[in-house]
Protein backbone atom coordinates (compact mmCIF):
# COMPACT_ATOMS: atom_id res chain seq x y z
CA MET A 1 0.00 0.00 0.00
CA SER A 2 1.42 3.40 -0.97
CA GLU A 3 1.98 6.21 1.54
CA GLU A 4 -0.76 8.26 -0.14
CA MET A 5 -3.30 5.41 0.03
CA LEU A 6 -2.49 4.81 3.70
CA ALA A 7 -2.86 8.53 4.49
CA ARG A 8 -6.25 8.65 2.73
CA LEU A 9 -7.44 5.60 4.67
CA ILE A 10 -6.39 7.14 8.01
CA ALA A 11 -7.99 10.47 7.11
CA SER A 12 -11.29 8.88 6.09
CA ALA A 13 -11.44 6.95 9.36
CA SER A 14 -10.93 10.10 11.43
CA LYS A 15 -13.06 12.49 9.37
CA ARG A 16 -15.87 14.20 11.24
CA PRO A 17 -19.15 14.99 9.45
CA GLY A 18 -19.01 18.36 7.70
CA GLN A 19 -15.23 18.70 8.04
CA ARG A 20 -12.83 18.82 5.08
CA VAL A 21 -9.78 16.88 6.20
CA VAL A 22 -6.71 17.71 4.13
CA LEU A 23 -4.06 15.08 3.56
CA THR A 24 -0.45 16.22 3.75
CA VAL A 25 -0.13 15.29 0.06
CA ASP A 26 -2.87 17.89 -0.65
CA VAL A 27 -1.13 20.81 1.09
CA ARG A 28 -0.54 23.48 -1.56
CA GLN A 29 1.55 26.61 -1.85
CA GLY A 30 -0.62 29.64 -1.06
CA GLY A 31 -3.12 27.58 0.94
CA THR A 32 -4.05 28.35 4.55
CA TYR A 33 -4.65 25.48 6.96
CA LYS A 34 -5.79 24.99 10.56
CA VAL A 35 -3.94 22.47 12.76
CA SER A 36 -5.60 20.19 15.30
CA ARG A 37 -2.50 19.40 17.37
CA LEU A 38 0.56 21.15 18.76
CA THR A 39 2.77 21.68 15.69
CA PRO A 40 6.46 22.68 15.76
CA ILE A 41 7.84 25.36 13.46
CA MET A 42 11.58 25.07 12.91
CA PRO A 43 13.69 28.15 12.12
CA THR A 44 15.32 26.30 9.19
CA PRO A 45 14.85 22.86 7.58
CA HIS A 46 18.40 21.61 8.20
CA PRO A 47 20.30 23.74 10.70
CA GLY A 48 24.04 23.56 11.10
CA ASN A 49 23.69 23.61 14.88
CA VAL A 50 20.68 21.49 15.88
CA LEU A 51 20.78 22.39 19.58
CA LYS A 52 20.76 26.10 18.80
CA ALA A 53 17.89 25.64 16.35
CA LEU A 54 15.83 23.64 18.89
CA LYS A 55 15.97 26.60 21.26
CA ARG A 56 14.32 28.71 18.57
CA VAL A 57 11.46 26.30 17.79
CA VAL A 58 8.00 27.82 18.15
CA HIS A 59 4.71 25.92 18.16
CA LEU A 60 1.30 26.36 16.63
CA GLN A 61 -1.44 25.55 19.13
CA PRO A 62 -4.48 23.45 18.16
CA GLY A 63 -6.77 25.70 16.12
CA ASP A 64 -3.96 27.99 14.92
CA MET A 65 -3.58 28.62 11.19
CA PHE A 66 -0.63 28.84 8.82
CA THR A 67 -0.20 29.79 5.17
CA VAL A 68 2.22 27.87 2.96
CA HIS A 69 4.51 30.35 1.17
CA ASP A 70 6.75 27.73 -0.43
CA ILE A 71 7.31 23.97 -0.45
CA VAL A 72 10.91 22.82 -0.11
CA THR A 73 12.31 19.28 -0.42
CA MET A 74 15.66 18.71 1.26
CA ARG A 75 17.25 15.30 1.77
CA ARG A 76 13.94 13.64 0.80
CA ALA A 77 12.05 15.56 3.50
CA VAL A 78 9.22 17.93 2.57
CA TRP A 79 9.11 21.25 4.42
CA TYR A 80 6.42 23.94 4.22
CA LYS A 81 7.76 27.51 4.43
CA VAL A 82 5.45 29.53 6.65
CA ARG A 83 5.69 33.06 8.05
CA ARG A 84 7.60 32.02 11.19
CA GLY A 85 9.85 29.28 9.75
CA TYR A 86 9.36 25.75 8.39
CA ILE A 87 6.91 22.96 9.19
CA ASN A 88 7.97 19.41 8.37
CA ARG A 89 5.38 17.34 6.50
CA LEU A 90 5.68 14.60 9.14
CA ALA A 91 4.46 17.03 11.82
CA LEU A 92 1.13 17.21 9.98
CA ILE A 93 0.50 13.48 9.59
CA GLY A 94 -2.37 12.28 11.76
CA GLN A 95 -3.81 15.75 12.26
CA ASP A 96 -7.29 16.86 11.29
CA LEU A 97 -5.75 19.48 9.02
CA THR A 98 -8.46 21.68 7.55
CA ARG A 99 -8.26 24.11 4.66
CA VAL A 100 -9.31 27.64 5.61
CA LEU A 101 -11.24 29.89 3.27
CA GLN A 102 -9.74 33.29 2.48
CA LYS A 103 -12.30 35.25 4.55
CA GLN A 104 -11.59 33.12 7.66
CA ARG A 105 -7.79 33.62 7.63
CA LYS A 106 -6.04 35.00 10.69
CA GLU A 107 -2.56 33.47 10.67
CA LYS A 108 -0.42 33.08 13.77
């Protein structure tokens, strides 16, 4: 079973009525999304000094929103460039990630 098929199966099992769950493979540049879990934002995708970078990690709280400004692939890892840094694709797996309409946006 492919990663995409597995992600779709997990998402369909956890989908609540009336909610549009977004799979991490559906996250698009320019889109705004709401997280359902604590989500780390790294200052850079691959820091030279990991310990220093970990001190600068900030977190989105459940219900916070982010807009994807760019999608970067480094060393086979997908990172989403957001206003405050980078979110790793793996940090979004298992979340009830919802797409936010333009009029509802209020990014953290």
